[in-house]
Amino acid sequence: MLATLLSGYIVAASLFLVERKQTAPCAGMQIVVRDSLDKHFVNEADLSQILRKAGLDPMKRNMDEINTEKIESVLQKNDMIAEVEAYKTPSGKIKLEVEQKMPILRVMSADGAYYIDNLGSTMALSRRYVAQVPIASGSIEKELSTTDLYKFALFLQDDDFWNNQIEQIFVHPDGDVELIPRVGNHRIILGSFADFQEKLGNLRLFYEQAIPKVGWEKYSIINLKYKNQIVCTKR
């Protein structure tokens, strides 16, 4: 009988403490930007300001009045943010865990300047931080930047050799794509983005087999636009 009464008391006390915590004022907000050492698009002050403008600042509110789903939804609309997780801690605080987007290409075109991220969406440039990614310029429409250009940039990101070699991408009005390498004083004419992996595979073989014999300064243009051909223009 005594054990039953004691067990009931413990349950009631636990429920009382939980309810009390839920109705107590928020004890603070803890913000963690997971990849802040690598990227600096957003910080704690930015996130706090977004919540204040949206009327969702958890400070001076009771815990049961705070809607973490709304907090996640508002922050997720920021085009610098990839993922947000907001939750209440046992200590009566709101914790935010934020992951920033990962840019893989910077576009400079008549439509404006912006990044393309690793999921194929656009994101605005930041005054605070410049990502060290390849730059694409020329006749680039948004549709091209989020389709063929995105696939090409994703390939560069995943390939260490080409990620280190290709510095700029220029799209001519006729659609021909020109690449500017970091090593070698030459231009690479890719043509269209069709079969670009095969074209770059042929170019890599050329680099490995021919360049050691003739040197990097031998050619001014290396043209890959014709299938299974490499046409070089001497300097």
Protein backbone atom coordinates (compact mmCIF):
# COMPACT_ATOMS: atom_id res chain seq x y z
CA MET A 1 0.00 0.00 0.00
CA LEU A 2 2.80 2.39 0.95
CA ALA A 3 4.69 1.55 -2.25
CA THR A 4 1.59 2.31 -4.32
CA LEU A 5 1.10 5.69 -2.62
CA LEU A 6 4.79 6.54 -3.06
CA SER A 7 4.69 5.61 -6.74
CA GLY A 8 1.61 7.75 -7.26
CA TYR A 9 3.28 10.68 -5.51
CA ILE A 10 6.36 10.42 -7.74
CA VAL A 11 4.23 10.38 -10.90
CA ALA A 12 2.16 13.35 -9.76
CA ALA A 13 5.26 15.30 -8.77
CA SER A 14 6.89 14.59 -12.13
CA LEU A 15 3.81 15.75 -14.04
CA PHE A 16 3.68 18.90 -11.92
CA LEU A 17 7.32 19.71 -12.66
CA VAL A 18 6.85 19.13 -16.40
CA GLU A 19 3.76 21.34 -16.46
CA ARG A 20 5.55 24.01 -14.46
CA LYS A 21 8.46 24.01 -16.90
CA GLN A 22 6.10 24.35 -19.84
CA THR A 23 4.42 27.41 -18.36
CA ALA A 24 7.65 28.98 -17.11
CA PRO A 25 9.36 31.79 -19.09
CA CYS A 26 11.95 30.75 -21.67
CA ALA A 27 15.31 30.56 -19.92
CA GLY A 28 17.29 31.45 -23.03
CA MET A 29 18.00 30.60 -26.66
CA GLN A 30 21.00 28.56 -27.76
CA ILE A 31 22.00 28.82 -31.43
CA VAL A 32 24.40 26.42 -33.10
CA VAL A 33 25.47 27.08 -36.71
CA ARG A 34 26.98 23.68 -37.47
CA ASP A 35 29.32 24.69 -40.31
CA SER A 36 30.27 28.17 -39.11
CA LEU A 37 34.01 27.42 -39.31
CA ASP A 38 33.79 26.83 -43.07
CA LYS A 39 31.08 29.29 -44.14
CA HIS A 40 29.96 32.62 -42.74
CA PHE A 41 26.66 33.38 -44.47
CA VAL A 42 24.61 33.62 -41.27
CA ASN A 43 25.42 34.01 -37.59
CA GLU A 44 23.56 34.08 -34.26
CA ALA A 45 22.71 37.79 -34.58
CA ASP A 46 21.19 37.27 -38.04
CA LEU A 47 18.97 34.43 -36.82
CA SER A 48 17.82 36.34 -33.75
CA GLN A 49 16.95 39.35 -35.90
CA ILE A 50 14.89 37.22 -38.31
CA LEU A 51 12.87 35.82 -35.40
CA ARG A 52 12.33 39.27 -33.87
CA LYS A 53 11.02 40.66 -37.18
CA ALA A 54 8.66 37.70 -37.52
CA GLY A 55 7.39 38.18 -33.95
CA LEU A 56 8.80 34.78 -32.93
CA ASP A 57 11.56 35.79 -30.51
CA PRO A 58 11.23 33.18 -27.72
CA MET A 59 12.72 35.43 -25.05
CA LYS A 60 10.21 36.73 -22.45
CA ARG A 61 7.66 34.17 -23.62
CA ASN A 62 6.41 31.17 -21.71
CA MET A 63 7.62 27.85 -23.07
CA ASP A 64 4.08 26.68 -23.88
CA GLU A 65 3.60 29.77 -26.08
CA ILE A 66 6.61 29.03 -28.28
CA ASN A 67 5.93 27.24 -31.56
CA THR A 68 9.16 25.58 -32.71
CA GLU A 69 7.61 24.51 -36.03
CA LYS A 70 6.89 28.15 -36.92
CA ILE A 71 10.46 29.08 -35.96
CA GLU A 72 11.81 26.40 -38.29
CA SER A 73 9.49 27.48 -41.11
CA VAL A 74 10.49 31.16 -40.92
CA LEU A 75 14.23 30.47 -40.78
CA GLN A 76 14.00 27.90 -43.57
CA LYS A 77 12.78 30.65 -45.93
CA ASN A 78 16.17 32.36 -45.72
CA ASP A 79 18.07 31.39 -48.88
CA MET A 80 21.35 31.10 -46.95
CA ILE A 81 19.99 28.27 -44.80
CA ALA A 82 19.77 24.61 -45.83
CA GLU A 83 18.29 23.02 -42.71
CA VAL A 84 16.91 24.15 -39.34
CA GLU A 85 15.99 22.17 -36.25
CA ALA A 86 14.33 23.99 -33.34
CA TYR A 87 13.39 22.26 -30.09
CA LYS A 88 12.81 22.82 -26.38
CA THR A 89 15.43 21.56 -23.95
CA PRO A 90 14.77 20.04 -20.49
CA SER A 91 16.44 23.10 -18.96
CA GLY A 92 13.74 25.39 -20.37
CA LYS A 93 15.66 26.81 -23.32
CA ILE A 94 15.04 26.93 -27.07
CA LYS A 95 17.84 25.39 -29.08
CA LEU A 96 18.37 26.07 -32.78
CA GLU A 97 20.65 23.91 -34.91
CA VAL A 98 21.25 25.49 -38.32
CA GLU A 99 23.09 24.24 -41.39
CA GLN A 100 24.05 26.75 -44.08
CA LYS A 101 23.72 26.13 -47.80
CA MET A 102 26.79 24.95 -49.71
CA PRO A 103 27.53 27.08 -52.81
CA ILE A 104 29.30 25.31 -55.66
CA LEU A 105 29.19 28.02 -58.36
CA ARG A 106 29.09 31.81 -58.53
CA VAL A 107 27.09 33.21 -61.47
CA MET A 108 27.66 36.71 -62.90
CA SER A 109 25.13 37.47 -65.65
CA ALA A 110 22.70 40.04 -67.00
CA ASP A 111 20.08 38.53 -64.69
CA GLY A 112 22.23 39.37 -61.68
CA ALA A 113 24.88 37.82 -59.47
CA TYR A 114 24.12 34.82 -57.27
CA TYR A 115 25.35 31.42 -56.13
CA ILE A 116 24.12 27.98 -57.14
CA ASP A 117 24.14 25.57 -54.20
CA ASN A 118 24.78 21.83 -54.16
CA LEU A 119 21.05 21.10 -54.42
CA GLY A 120 20.60 23.20 -57.56
CA SER A 121 18.84 26.21 -56.04
CA THR A 122 19.97 29.84 -56.16
CA MET A 123 21.18 31.83 -53.18
CA ALA A 124 22.06 35.50 -52.87
CA LEU A 125 25.62 36.76 -52.58
CA SER A 126 26.77 37.76 -49.12
CA ARG A 127 28.48 41.00 -48.12
CA ARG A 128 30.11 39.13 -45.28
CA TYR A 129 31.60 36.10 -47.01
CA VAL A 130 32.80 35.16 -50.50
CA ALA A 131 32.81 31.44 -51.28
CA GLN A 132 35.85 30.15 -53.16
CA VAL A 133 34.03 28.44 -56.02
CA PRO A 134 34.30 28.61 -59.85
CA ILE A 135 32.79 31.69 -61.49
CA ALA A 136 30.42 31.45 -64.47
CA SER A 137 29.70 34.50 -66.61
CA GLY A 138 28.41 35.46 -70.07
CA SER A 139 25.04 34.64 -71.62
CA ILE A 140 23.52 32.76 -68.69
CA GLU A 141 19.80 32.55 -67.99
CA LYS A 142 18.43 31.21 -64.71
CA GLU A 143 17.24 28.00 -66.39
CA LEU A 144 20.75 27.24 -67.66
CA SER A 145 22.32 28.00 -64.28
CA THR A 146 20.07 25.54 -62.44
CA THR A 147 20.31 22.75 -65.04
CA ASP A 148 23.40 22.21 -67.21
CA LEU A 149 25.64 24.64 -65.34
CA TYR A 150 24.57 23.14 -62.02
CA LYS A 151 25.38 19.60 -63.22
CA PHE A 152 28.75 20.77 -64.50
CA ALA A 153 29.57 22.57 -61.24
CA LEU A 154 28.51 19.50 -59.25
CA PHE A 155 30.91 17.40 -61.34
CA LEU A 156 33.75 19.85 -60.65
CA GLN A 157 33.04 19.75 -56.93
CA ASP A 158 33.20 15.96 -56.85
CA ASP A 159 36.38 15.69 -58.97
CA ASP A 160 39.53 16.93 -57.20
CA PHE A 161 41.55 17.29 -60.40
CA TRP A 162 39.03 19.43 -62.29
CA ASN A 163 37.94 21.31 -59.19
CA ASN A 164 41.53 22.50 -58.83
CA GLN A 165 41.99 23.16 -62.56
CA ILE A 166 38.84 24.99 -63.74
CA GLU A 167 38.66 28.55 -62.45
CA GLN A 168 36.12 30.25 -64.72
CA ILE A 169 33.32 29.29 -67.09
CA PHE A 170 32.17 31.61 -69.86
CA VAL A 171 29.05 31.03 -71.97
CA HIS A 172 29.10 32.70 -75.38
CA PRO A 173 25.89 34.04 -77.00
CA ASP A 174 25.91 31.09 -79.45
CA GLY A 175 25.93 28.64 -76.51
CA ASP A 176 29.57 27.59 -76.76
CA VAL A 177 31.14 27.12 -73.35
CA GLU A 178 34.69 28.27 -72.70
CA LEU A 179 36.73 27.20 -69.69
CA ILE A 180 39.60 29.13 -68.11
CA PRO A 181 42.06 26.87 -66.29
CA ARG A 182 44.21 27.76 -63.30
CA VAL A 183 47.28 26.02 -64.75
CA GLY A 184 48.39 26.83 -68.29
CA ASN A 185 47.99 29.96 -70.36
CA HIS A 186 45.35 28.58 -72.73
CA ARG A 187 41.58 28.60 -73.23
CA ILE A 188 39.47 25.44 -73.38
CA ILE A 189 36.52 25.40 -75.81
CA LEU A 190 34.08 22.85 -74.44
CA GLY A 191 31.32 23.53 -76.97
CA SER A 192 27.98 22.55 -75.45
CA PHE A 193 27.63 20.80 -72.09
CA ALA A 194 26.69 17.59 -73.91
CA ASP A 195 29.09 14.73 -73.06
CA PHE A 196 31.23 17.09 -70.96
CA GLN A 197 32.61 14.25 -68.83
CA GLU A 198 33.86 12.43 -71.92
CA LYS A 199 35.38 15.64 -73.31
CA LEU A 200 37.19 16.40 -70.06
CA GLY A 201 38.33 12.78 -69.85
CA ASN A 202 39.99 13.17 -73.27
CA LEU A 203 41.54 16.47 -72.19
CA ARG A 204 42.98 14.91 -69.07
CA LEU A 205 44.66 12.22 -71.17
CA PHE A 206 46.03 15.01 -73.37
CA TYR A 207 47.37 16.80 -70.33
CA GLU A 208 49.04 13.64 -69.07
CA GLN A 209 50.50 12.45 -72.38
CA ALA A 210 51.14 15.49 -74.58
CA ILE A 211 51.73 18.45 -72.28
CA PRO A 212 54.83 16.96 -70.61
CA LYS A 213 56.41 16.78 -74.10
CA VAL A 214 55.40 20.20 -75.51
CA GLY A 215 54.88 22.29 -72.36
CA TRP A 216 51.95 24.34 -71.07
CA GLU A 217 52.73 27.35 -73.27
CA LYS A 218 52.61 25.55 -76.63
CA TYR A 219 48.90 26.16 -77.36
CA SER A 220 46.61 29.16 -76.95
CA ILE A 221 43.35 27.26 -77.53
CA ILE A 222 42.39 23.63 -76.89
CA ASN A 223 39.09 22.84 -78.61
CA LEU A 224 37.00 19.89 -77.37
CA LYS A 225 33.69 20.63 -79.11
CA TYR A 226 34.10 18.00 -81.85
CA LYS A 227 33.36 14.45 -80.74
CA ASN A 228 36.44 12.38 -79.90
CA GLN A 229 38.74 15.12 -81.20
CA ILE A 230 41.08 17.64 -79.63
CA VAL A 231 41.96 20.51 -81.92
CA CYS A 232 44.79 22.71 -80.71
CA THR A 233 45.77 26.20 -81.87
CA LYS A 234 49.46 26.99 -81.55
CA ARG A 235 50.47 30.21 -79.89
